[in-house]
Amino acid sequence: MAEKDLENLTEQPQPGEVPQEEPEKKSHTFLIVVIVLSVLILAGLGYLGRMWYLNYTSEKAGKQVETFYSQTAATKPATTAVLKDNPIDFKSLQETNSDLFAWIEVPGTRVNYPVAQSPTDDTYYLHHDYLGNYLFAGTPYIELCNNKDFSDPVTVIYGHNMYASEGTMFTTLHSFEDKSFFDSHDTFTIYMPGRELTYQIFSAFKFDNRHIMNSYDFEHGTKDLTAFQHTMLQPHSALKNVRSGVELNEKSKVVVLSTCFLGDKSVRLLVCGVLVKDEPTK
């Protein structure tokens, strides 16, 4: 056998041997893996950076709006002869932005914000702060279908879930998913010029993302009102907390606090409270 033929024969893989991958192919595969991992890492860092920035700007706006809030009502109890103090400086607040008509405070959470209503655009405060500047976290707001005096059978206040555990806006309403927290925090307060409204929290539950005010005719439809009141009192969701002993009727004034869930746009968390006290203030 010729010497050249012997060389070709020795280069062929022998039975039972695994052909070795060429160094150039290994290098190419390794490079692809490195590129893919780098893209994933950069994407993750970009997402985390964006969330940090959104929460940072929301925190900054929250600290600015705190200047309108004081503790005068807590330090000066009302007497039968003197009206209790209103802790919100509504004169300054409304000089800053006339769309700000109320203030909501939910004890045990970070919800302590003005409430807005745009006269022209229901979604305006979804991504604008209390000054009207663009802010992804937005400002708690109601839509034009609701009256600004909270006289409707059902009023919905919307607020963002900013996802961070100590997030701003309505993020910490998710604390009401915990039964022990729900049981120990049973009221929230809405302040208006000359008024303090106290609401008893009677349910917190996961609901679908339907537009509540467009899905029910609360003004003219007693059947619709009864149906939604039944839903709030006896939610079908597996994620729910309900306070016993609460009754609703056609004269009940309910405020629903609505926020979203992380990663699921098809559902909302609803925290529902019924008006139990309407007091005049200075």
C-alpha atoms as a PDB file:
ATOM      1  CA  MET A   1       0.000   0.000   0.000  1.00  0.00           C
ATOM      2  CA  ALA A   2       1.313   3.403  -0.937  1.00  0.00           C
ATOM      3  CA  GLU A   3       2.610   5.693   1.817  1.00  0.00           C
ATOM      4  CA  LYS A   4      -0.001   8.369   0.936  1.00  0.00           C
ATOM      5  CA  ASP A   5      -2.823   5.847   1.278  1.00  0.00           C
ATOM      6  CA  LEU A   6      -1.526   4.839   4.707  1.00  0.00           C
ATOM      7  CA  GLU A   7      -1.562   8.494   5.837  1.00  0.00           C
ATOM      8  CA  ASN A   8      -5.192   8.905   4.701  1.00  0.00           C
ATOM      9  CA  LEU A   9      -6.162   5.721   6.485  1.00  0.00           C
ATOM     10  CA  THR A  10      -4.637   6.822   9.784  1.00  0.00           C
ATOM     11  CA  GLU A  11      -6.554  10.128   9.628  1.00  0.00           C
ATOM     12  CA  GLN A  12      -9.953   8.370   9.627  1.00  0.00           C
ATOM     13  CA  PRO A  13     -11.677   7.910  13.047  1.00  0.00           C
ATOM     14  CA  GLN A  14     -11.337   4.373  14.316  1.00  0.00           C
ATOM     15  CA  PRO A  15     -14.358   2.341  15.444  1.00  0.00           C
ATOM     16  CA  GLY A  16     -15.567   3.495  18.875  1.00  0.00           C
ATOM     17  CA  GLU A  17     -13.797   6.848  18.654  1.00  0.00           C
ATOM     18  CA  VAL A  18     -15.752  10.160  18.876  1.00  0.00           C
ATOM     19  CA  PRO A  19     -14.648  12.718  16.315  1.00  0.00           C
ATOM     20  CA  GLN A  20     -13.129  15.744  18.029  1.00  0.00           C
ATOM     21  CA  GLU A  21     -14.754  19.149  17.366  1.00  0.00           C
ATOM     22  CA  GLU A  22     -12.528  21.478  15.481  1.00  0.00           C
ATOM     23  CA  PRO A  23     -10.974  24.263  17.619  1.00  0.00           C
ATOM     24  CA  GLU A  24     -12.381  26.916  15.275  1.00  0.00           C
ATOM     25  CA  LYS A  25     -15.949  25.573  15.716  1.00  0.00           C
ATOM     26  CA  LYS A  26     -15.545  25.480  19.505  1.00  0.00           C
ATOM     27  CA  SER A  27     -14.408  29.074  19.508  1.00  0.00           C
ATOM     28  CA  HIS A  28     -17.397  30.138  17.381  1.00  0.00           C
ATOM     29  CA  THR A  29     -19.880  28.389  19.708  1.00  0.00           C
ATOM     30  CA  PHE A  30     -18.255  29.916  22.798  1.00  0.00           C
ATOM     31  CA  LEU A  31     -18.454  33.382  21.236  1.00  0.00           C
ATOM     32  CA  ILE A  32     -22.196  32.974  20.543  1.00  0.00           C
ATOM     33  CA  VAL A  33     -22.821  31.889  24.152  1.00  0.00           C
ATOM     34  CA  VAL A  34     -20.889  34.884  25.484  1.00  0.00           C
ATOM     35  CA  ILE A  35     -22.831  37.280  23.255  1.00  0.00           C
ATOM     36  CA  VAL A  36     -26.212  35.828  24.261  1.00  0.00           C
ATOM     37  CA  LEU A  37     -25.347  35.949  27.971  1.00  0.00           C
ATOM     38  CA  SER A  38     -24.076  39.518  27.621  1.00  0.00           C
ATOM     39  CA  VAL A  39     -27.318  40.619  25.939  1.00  0.00           C
ATOM     40  CA  LEU A  40     -29.400  38.965  28.670  1.00  0.00           C
ATOM     41  CA  ILE A  41     -27.328  40.571  31.423  1.00  0.00           C
ATOM     42  CA  LEU A  42     -27.534  44.006  29.804  1.00  0.00           C
ATOM     43  CA  ALA A  43     -31.285  43.628  29.316  1.00  0.00           C
ATOM     44  CA  GLY A  44     -31.693  42.663  32.973  1.00  0.00           C
ATOM     45  CA  LEU A  45     -29.581  45.572  34.141  1.00  0.00           C
ATOM     46  CA  GLY A  46     -31.547  47.896  31.875  1.00  0.00           C
ATOM     47  CA  TYR A  47     -34.864  46.703  33.328  1.00  0.00           C
ATOM     48  CA  LEU A  48     -33.607  47.069  36.905  1.00  0.00           C
ATOM     49  CA  GLY A  49     -32.215  50.496  36.099  1.00  0.00           C
ATOM     50  CA  ARG A  50     -35.507  51.615  34.598  1.00  0.00           C
ATOM     51  CA  MET A  51     -37.481  50.386  37.626  1.00  0.00           C
ATOM     52  CA  TRP A  52     -35.032  52.122  39.969  1.00  0.00           C
ATOM     53  CA  TYR A  53     -35.411  55.369  38.038  1.00  0.00           C
ATOM     54  CA  LEU A  54     -39.220  55.158  37.995  1.00  0.00           C
ATOM     55  CA  ASN A  55     -39.329  54.536  41.736  1.00  0.00           C
ATOM     56  CA  TYR A  56     -36.764  57.258  42.385  1.00  0.00           C
ATOM     57  CA  THR A  57     -38.774  59.875  40.487  1.00  0.00           C
ATOM     58  CA  SER A  58     -41.957  58.701  42.195  1.00  0.00           C
ATOM     59  CA  GLU A  59     -40.332  58.966  45.636  1.00  0.00           C
ATOM     60  CA  LYS A  60     -39.071  62.451  44.824  1.00  0.00           C
ATOM     61  CA  ALA A  61     -42.528  63.604  43.759  1.00  0.00           C
ATOM     62  CA  GLY A  62     -44.046  62.034  46.870  1.00  0.00           C
ATOM     63  CA  LYS A  63     -41.709  63.965  49.154  1.00  0.00           C
ATOM     64  CA  GLN A  64     -42.559  67.206  47.389  1.00  0.00           C
ATOM     65  CA  VAL A  65     -46.299  66.738  47.844  1.00  0.00           C
ATOM     66  CA  GLU A  66     -45.904  66.056  51.569  1.00  0.00           C
ATOM     67  CA  THR A  67     -45.521  69.812  52.116  1.00  0.00           C
ATOM     68  CA  PHE A  68     -49.304  70.183  51.911  1.00  0.00           C
ATOM     69  CA  TYR A  69     -49.896  67.721  54.758  1.00  0.00           C
ATOM     70  CA  SER A  70     -49.651  68.417  58.475  1.00  0.00           C
ATOM     71  CA  GLN A  71     -50.541  66.661  61.725  1.00  0.00           C
ATOM     72  CA  THR A  72     -52.723  69.411  63.187  1.00  0.00           C
ATOM     73  CA  ALA A  73     -55.815  67.228  63.280  1.00  0.00           C
ATOM     74  CA  ALA A  74     -54.008  64.574  65.293  1.00  0.00           C
ATOM     75  CA  THR A  75     -52.505  67.000  67.800  1.00  0.00           C
ATOM     76  CA  LYS A  76     -55.643  69.109  68.337  1.00  0.00           C
ATOM     77  CA  PRO A  77     -58.644  66.870  69.034  1.00  0.00           C
ATOM     78  CA  ALA A  78     -62.007  68.360  68.169  1.00  0.00           C
ATOM     79  CA  THR A  79     -64.488  69.386  70.842  1.00  0.00           C
ATOM     80  CA  THR A  80     -68.242  69.802  70.588  1.00  0.00           C
ATOM     81  CA  ALA A  81     -67.811  73.562  70.264  1.00  0.00           C
ATOM     82  CA  VAL A  82     -64.897  73.721  67.837  1.00  0.00           C
ATOM     83  CA  LEU A  83     -64.547  72.171  64.395  1.00  0.00           C
ATOM     84  CA  LYS A  84     -61.620  69.819  64.061  1.00  0.00           C
ATOM     85  CA  ASP A  85     -58.659  70.959  62.003  1.00  0.00           C
ATOM     86  CA  ASN A  86     -58.186  69.715  58.485  1.00  0.00           C
ATOM     87  CA  PRO A  87     -54.606  68.406  58.076  1.00  0.00           C
ATOM     88  CA  ILE A  88     -54.490  69.396  54.398  1.00  0.00           C
ATOM     89  CA  ASP A  89     -53.673  72.916  53.244  1.00  0.00           C
ATOM     90  CA  PHE A  90     -56.222  72.879  50.437  1.00  0.00           C
ATOM     91  CA  LYS A  91     -55.839  76.567  49.692  1.00  0.00           C
ATOM     92  CA  SER A  92     -52.168  76.126  48.759  1.00  0.00           C
ATOM     93  CA  LEU A  93     -52.808  72.748  47.150  1.00  0.00           C
ATOM     94  CA  GLN A  94     -55.476  74.065  44.797  1.00  0.00           C
ATOM     95  CA  GLU A  95     -53.489  77.198  44.011  1.00  0.00           C
ATOM     96  CA  THR A  96     -50.784  74.783  42.853  1.00  0.00           C
ATOM     97  CA  ASN A  97     -53.213  72.754  40.716  1.00  0.00           C
ATOM     98  CA  SER A  98     -56.984  73.280  40.634  1.00  0.00           C
ATOM     99  CA  ASP A  99     -57.469  69.638  39.510  1.00  0.00           C
ATOM    100  CA  LEU A 100     -56.533  68.465  43.019  1.00  0.00           C
ATOM    101  CA  PHE A 101     -59.813  68.276  44.926  1.00  0.00           C
ATOM    102  CA  ALA A 102     -59.248  65.712  47.709  1.00  0.00           C
ATOM    103  CA  TRP A 103     -56.604  63.844  49.703  1.00  0.00           C
ATOM    104  CA  ILE A 104     -56.557  60.148  50.600  1.00  0.00           C
ATOM    105  CA  GLU A 105     -54.747  58.538  53.536  1.00  0.00           C
ATOM    106  CA  VAL A 106     -54.710  54.788  54.179  1.00  0.00           C
ATOM    107  CA  PRO A 107     -53.180  53.951  57.592  1.00  0.00           C
ATOM    108  CA  GLY A 108     -50.517  51.248  57.576  1.00  0.00           C
ATOM    109  CA  THR A 109     -49.606  51.939  53.938  1.00  0.00           C
ATOM    110  CA  ARG A 110     -47.729  54.652  52.089  1.00  0.00           C
ATOM    111  CA  VAL A 111     -50.927  55.908  50.499  1.00  0.00           C
ATOM    112  CA  ASN A 112     -51.010  59.571  51.562  1.00  0.00           C
ATOM    113  CA  TYR A 113     -51.632  61.595  48.395  1.00  0.00           C
ATOM    114  CA  PRO A 114     -53.812  64.196  46.739  1.00  0.00           C
ATOM    115  CA  VAL A 115     -56.564  62.972  44.433  1.00  0.00           C
ATOM    116  CA  ALA A 116     -56.999  64.569  41.014  1.00  0.00           C
ATOM    117  CA  GLN A 117     -59.623  64.779  38.298  1.00  0.00           C
ATOM    118  CA  SER A 118     -58.772  66.138  34.876  1.00  0.00           C
ATOM    119  CA  PRO A 119     -61.583  68.215  33.340  1.00  0.00           C
ATOM    120  CA  THR A 120     -60.744  66.992  29.837  1.00  0.00           C
ATOM    121  CA  ASP A 121     -58.792  63.696  29.848  1.00  0.00           C
ATOM    122  CA  ASP A 122     -59.580  60.720  32.071  1.00  0.00           C
ATOM    123  CA  THR A 123     -56.117  59.208  31.558  1.00  0.00           C
ATOM    124  CA  TYR A 124     -54.117  62.409  32.100  1.00  0.00           C
ATOM    125  CA  TYR A 125     -53.071  61.660  35.690  1.00  0.00           C
ATOM    126  CA  LEU A 126     -52.163  58.107  34.836  1.00  0.00           C
ATOM    127  CA  HIS A 127     -48.718  59.507  33.941  1.00  0.00           C
ATOM    128  CA  HIS A 128     -48.649  63.062  35.333  1.00  0.00           C
ATOM    129  CA  ASP A 129     -47.736  64.249  38.799  1.00  0.00           C
ATOM    130  CA  TYR A 130     -49.696  66.622  41.016  1.00  0.00           C
ATOM    131  CA  LEU A 131     -48.095  69.593  39.228  1.00  0.00           C
ATOM    132  CA  GLY A 132     -49.081  68.342  35.782  1.00  0.00           C
ATOM    133  CA  ASN A 133     -45.548  67.284  34.834  1.00  0.00           C
ATOM    134  CA  TYR A 134     -44.916  63.933  33.171  1.00  0.00           C
ATOM    135  CA  LEU A 135     -44.315  61.223  35.777  1.00  0.00           C
ATOM    136  CA  PHE A 136     -44.739  57.538  35.025  1.00  0.00           C
ATOM    137  CA  ALA A 137     -46.061  56.895  38.557  1.00  0.00           C
ATOM    138  CA  GLY A 138     -48.835  59.416  37.984  1.00  0.00           C
ATOM    139  CA  THR A 139     -51.204  60.701  40.687  1.00  0.00           C
ATOM    140  CA  PRO A 140     -54.233  58.969  42.252  1.00  0.00           C
ATOM    141  CA  TYR A 141     -57.281  60.103  40.297  1.00  0.00           C
ATOM    142  CA  ILE A 142     -60.960  59.646  39.537  1.00  0.00           C
ATOM    143  CA  GLU A 143     -62.609  59.857  36.135  1.00  0.00           C
ATOM    144  CA  LEU A 144     -65.224  62.330  34.901  1.00  0.00           C
ATOM    145  CA  CYS A 145     -68.009  59.781  35.384  1.00  0.00           C
ATOM    146  CA  ASN A 146     -67.616  60.299  39.158  1.00  0.00           C
ATOM    147  CA  ASN A 147     -68.627  63.401  41.093  1.00  0.00           C
ATOM    148  CA  LYS A 148     -65.876  65.169  43.024  1.00  0.00           C
ATOM    149  CA  ASP A 149     -67.912  65.210  46.267  1.00  0.00           C
ATOM    150  CA  PHE A 150     -67.929  61.377  46.584  1.00  0.00           C
ATOM    151  CA  SER A 151     -71.727  61.362  46.483  1.00  0.00           C
ATOM    152  CA  ASP A 152     -71.934  58.520  43.929  1.00  0.00           C
ATOM    153  CA  PRO A 153     -72.967  55.006  45.005  1.00  0.00           C
ATOM    154  CA  VAL A 154     -69.549  53.842  43.766  1.00  0.00           C
ATOM    155  CA  THR A 155     -66.473  56.015  43.215  1.00  0.00           C
ATOM    156  CA  VAL A 156     -63.284  54.459  41.795  1.00  0.00           C
ATOM    157  CA  ILE A 157     -59.873  55.947  42.622  1.00  0.00           C
ATOM    158  CA  TYR A 158     -57.061  54.664  40.414  1.00  0.00           C
ATOM    159  CA  GLY A 159     -53.395  54.493  41.377  1.00  0.00           C
ATOM    160  CA  HIS A 160     -50.275  52.794  40.017  1.00  0.00           C
ATOM    161  CA  ASN A 161     -48.581  49.749  41.458  1.00  0.00           C
ATOM    162  CA  MET A 162     -44.896  50.727  41.290  1.00  0.00           C
ATOM    163  CA  TYR A 163     -43.857  47.112  42.044  1.00  0.00           C
ATOM    164  CA  ALA A 164     -41.164  47.834  44.668  1.00  0.00           C
ATOM    165  CA  SER A 165     -41.961  46.416  48.130  1.00  0.00           C
ATOM    166  CA  GLU A 166     -41.953  49.919  49.621  1.00  0.00           C
ATOM    167  CA  GLY A 167     -43.227  51.551  46.450  1.00  0.00           C
ATOM    168  CA  THR A 168     -45.197  54.727  46.097  1.00  0.00           C
ATOM    169  CA  MET A 169     -48.731  55.477  44.893  1.00  0.00           C
ATOM    170  CA  PHE A 170     -50.992  52.419  45.405  1.00  0.00           C
ATOM    171  CA  THR A 171     -48.242  49.775  45.595  1.00  0.00           C
ATOM    172  CA  THR A 172     -48.648  49.141  49.321  1.00  0.00           C
ATOM    173  CA  LEU A 173     -52.380  48.505  48.984  1.00  0.00           C
ATOM    174  CA  HIS A 174     -51.235  44.964  48.226  1.00  0.00           C
ATOM    175  CA  SER A 175     -50.669  44.640  51.977  1.00  0.00           C
ATOM    176  CA  PHE A 176     -54.427  44.045  52.180  1.00  0.00           C
ATOM    177  CA  GLU A 177     -53.874  40.673  50.525  1.00  0.00           C
ATOM    178  CA  ASP A 178     -52.533  39.555  53.917  1.00  0.00           C
ATOM    179  CA  LYS A 179     -55.395  38.585  56.261  1.00  0.00           C
ATOM    180  CA  SER A 180     -53.713  39.747  59.448  1.00  0.00           C
ATOM    181  CA  PHE A 181     -53.021  43.167  57.901  1.00  0.00           C
ATOM    182  CA  PHE A 182     -56.563  43.368  56.566  1.00  0.00           C
ATOM    183  CA  ASP A 183     -58.022  42.459  59.964  1.00  0.00           C
ATOM    184  CA  SER A 184     -55.975  45.099  61.788  1.00  0.00           C
ATOM    185  CA  HIS A 185     -56.480  47.974  59.301  1.00  0.00           C
ATOM    186  CA  ASP A 186     -60.162  48.664  58.837  1.00  0.00           C
ATOM    187  CA  THR A 187     -60.478  52.302  57.715  1.00  0.00           C
ATOM    188  CA  PHE A 188     -59.140  54.913  55.328  1.00  0.00           C
ATOM    189  CA  THR A 189     -59.776  58.666  55.244  1.00  0.00           C
ATOM    190  CA  ILE A 190     -60.505  61.113  52.462  1.00  0.00           C
ATOM    191  CA  TYR A 191     -60.094  64.826  53.177  1.00  0.00           C
ATOM    192  CA  MET A 192     -61.800  67.594  51.233  1.00  0.00           C
ATOM    193  CA  PRO A 193     -62.027  71.331  51.887  1.00  0.00           C
ATOM    194  CA  GLY A 194     -64.182  71.538  55.014  1.00  0.00           C
ATOM    195  CA  ARG A 195     -64.819  67.775  55.228  1.00  0.00           C
ATOM    196  CA  GLU A 196     -63.287  64.575  56.582  1.00  0.00           C
ATOM    197  CA  LEU A 197     -64.751  61.328  55.238  1.00  0.00           C
ATOM    198  CA  THR A 198     -64.073  58.032  57.013  1.00  0.00           C
ATOM    199  CA  TYR A 199     -64.555  54.749  55.166  1.00  0.00           C
ATOM    200  CA  GLN A 200     -64.739  51.269  56.651  1.00  0.00           C
ATOM    201  CA  ILE A 201     -62.729  48.812  54.569  1.00  0.00           C
ATOM    202  CA  PHE A 202     -64.927  45.756  54.070  1.00  0.00           C
ATOM    203  CA  SER A 203     -63.203  43.813  51.285  1.00  0.00           C
ATOM    204  CA  ALA A 204     -59.984  43.489  49.289  1.00  0.00           C
ATOM    205  CA  PHE A 205     -59.839  41.079  46.371  1.00  0.00           C
ATOM    206  CA  LYS A 206     -58.529  40.284  42.905  1.00  0.00           C
ATOM    207  CA  PHE A 207     -60.924  41.324  40.155  1.00  0.00           C
ATOM    208  CA  ASP A 208     -60.744  41.369  36.362  1.00  0.00           C
ATOM    209  CA  ASN A 209     -59.679  44.472  34.476  1.00  0.00           C
ATOM    210  CA  ARG A 210     -63.098  45.588  33.284  1.00  0.00           C
ATOM    211  CA  HIS A 211     -63.875  49.301  33.503  1.00  0.00           C
ATOM    212  CA  ILE A 212     -66.186  49.252  36.520  1.00  0.00           C
ATOM    213  CA  MET A 213     -67.958  52.545  35.856  1.00  0.00           C
ATOM    214  CA  ASN A 214     -68.646  51.603  32.220  1.00  0.00           C
ATOM    215  CA  SER A 215     -69.667  48.041  33.009  1.00  0.00           C
ATOM    216  CA  TYR A 216     -72.392  48.914  35.513  1.00  0.00           C
ATOM    217  CA  ASP A 217     -75.116  51.571  35.487  1.00  0.00           C
ATOM    218  CA  PHE A 218     -74.952  52.662  39.115  1.00  0.00           C
ATOM    219  CA  GLU A 219     -76.978  55.806  38.605  1.00  0.00           C
ATOM    220  CA  HIS A 220     -80.033  54.378  36.881  1.00  0.00           C
ATOM    221  CA  GLY A 221     -79.700  50.652  37.366  1.00  0.00           C
ATOM    222  CA  THR A 222     -80.591  49.388  40.835  1.00  0.00           C
ATOM    223  CA  LYS A 223     -80.026  45.851  39.530  1.00  0.00           C
ATOM    224  CA  ASP A 224     -76.459  46.706  38.485  1.00  0.00           C
ATOM    225  CA  LEU A 225     -75.741  48.420  41.793  1.00  0.00           C
ATOM    226  CA  THR A 226     -77.041  45.447  43.754  1.00  0.00           C
ATOM    227  CA  ALA A 227     -75.001  43.060  41.632  1.00  0.00           C
ATOM    228  CA  PHE A 228     -71.731  44.941  42.152  1.00  0.00           C
ATOM    229  CA  GLN A 229     -72.409  45.415  45.865  1.00  0.00           C
ATOM    230  CA  HIS A 230     -72.876  41.650  46.099  1.00  0.00           C
ATOM    231  CA  THR A 231     -69.551  41.154  44.268  1.00  0.00           C
ATOM    232  CA  MET A 232     -67.752  43.438  46.722  1.00  0.00           C
ATOM    233  CA  LEU A 233     -69.300  41.745  49.745  1.00  0.00           C
ATOM    234  CA  GLN A 234     -68.828  38.197  48.438  1.00  0.00           C
ATOM    235  CA  PRO A 235     -65.999  38.166  45.868  1.00  0.00           C
ATOM    236  CA  HIS A 236     -65.592  35.063  43.725  1.00  0.00           C
ATOM    237  CA  SER A 237     -61.811  35.382  43.689  1.00  0.00           C
ATOM    238  CA  ALA A 238     -59.591  32.933  45.552  1.00  0.00           C
ATOM    239  CA  LEU A 239     -57.500  35.928  46.597  1.00  0.00           C
ATOM    240  CA  LYS A 240     -59.803  37.864  48.897  1.00  0.00           C
ATOM    241  CA  ASN A 241     -60.329  39.200  52.398  1.00  0.00           C
ATOM    242  CA  VAL A 242     -63.792  40.182  53.590  1.00  0.00           C
ATOM    243  CA  ARG A 243     -64.977  41.822  56.802  1.00  0.00           C
ATOM    244  CA  SER A 244     -68.146  40.326  58.234  1.00  0.00           C
ATOM    245  CA  GLY A 245     -71.099  42.325  59.471  1.00  0.00           C
ATOM    246  CA  VAL A 246     -71.041  44.998  56.733  1.00  0.00           C
ATOM    247  CA  GLU A 247     -74.259  45.705  54.840  1.00  0.00           C
ATOM    248  CA  LEU A 248     -74.765  47.805  51.720  1.00  0.00           C
ATOM    249  CA  ASN A 249     -77.923  49.355  50.281  1.00  0.00           C
ATOM    250  CA  GLU A 250     -78.994  51.893  47.670  1.00  0.00           C
ATOM    251  CA  LYS A 251     -77.894  54.755  49.957  1.00  0.00           C
ATOM    252  CA  SER A 252     -74.393  53.403  50.638  1.00  0.00           C
ATOM    253  CA  LYS A 253     -71.445  55.461  49.378  1.00  0.00           C
ATOM    254  CA  VAL A 254     -68.553  53.180  48.426  1.00  0.00           C
ATOM    255  CA  VAL A 255     -65.033  54.141  47.348  1.00  0.00           C
ATOM    256  CA  VAL A 256     -63.049  51.497  45.459  1.00  0.00           C
ATOM    257  CA  LEU A 257     -59.253  51.822  45.376  1.00  0.00           C
ATOM    258  CA  SER A 258     -57.977  50.125  42.227  1.00  0.00           C
ATOM    259  CA  THR A 259     -54.419  49.121  41.319  1.00  0.00           C
ATOM    260  CA  CYS A 260     -52.745  46.487  39.149  1.00  0.00           C
ATOM    261  CA  PHE A 261     -50.747  43.312  39.725  1.00  0.00           C
ATOM    262  CA  LEU A 262     -47.141  42.834  38.655  1.00  0.00           C
ATOM    263  CA  GLY A 263     -46.903  41.114  35.293  1.00  0.00           C
ATOM    264  CA  ASP A 264     -50.646  40.576  34.773  1.00  0.00           C
ATOM    265  CA  LYS A 265     -52.618  43.316  33.036  1.00  0.00           C
ATOM    266  CA  SER A 266     -55.801  41.246  33.045  1.00  0.00           C
ATOM    267  CA  VAL A 267     -56.537  41.659  36.759  1.00  0.00           C
ATOM    268  CA  ARG A 268     -56.774  44.392  39.411  1.00  0.00           C
ATOM    269  CA  LEU A 269     -56.655  44.579  43.190  1.00  0.00           C
ATOM    270  CA  LEU A 270     -59.732  46.309  44.583  1.00  0.00           C
ATOM    271  CA  VAL A 271     -59.824  47.652  48.149  1.00  0.00           C
ATOM    272  CA  CYS A 272     -63.392  48.660  48.984  1.00  0.00           C
ATOM    273  CA  GLY A 273     -64.599  50.978  51.730  1.00  0.00           C
ATOM    274  CA  VAL A 274     -68.050  52.285  52.660  1.00  0.00           C
ATOM    275  CA  LEU A 275     -68.622  55.757  54.100  1.00  0.00           C
ATOM    276  CA  VAL A 276     -69.328  55.560  57.835  1.00  0.00           C
ATOM    277  CA  LYS A 277     -68.578  59.139  58.939  1.00  0.00           C
ATOM    278  CA  ASP A 278     -68.764  62.553  57.276  1.00  0.00           C
ATOM    279  CA  GLU A 279     -67.445  65.292  59.584  1.00  0.00           C
ATOM    280  CA  PRO A 280     -67.090  69.030  59.003  1.00  0.00           C
ATOM    281  CA  THR A 281     -63.622  70.550  59.474  1.00  0.00           C
ATOM    282  CA  LYS A 282     -62.127  74.014  59.531  1.00  0.00           C
END
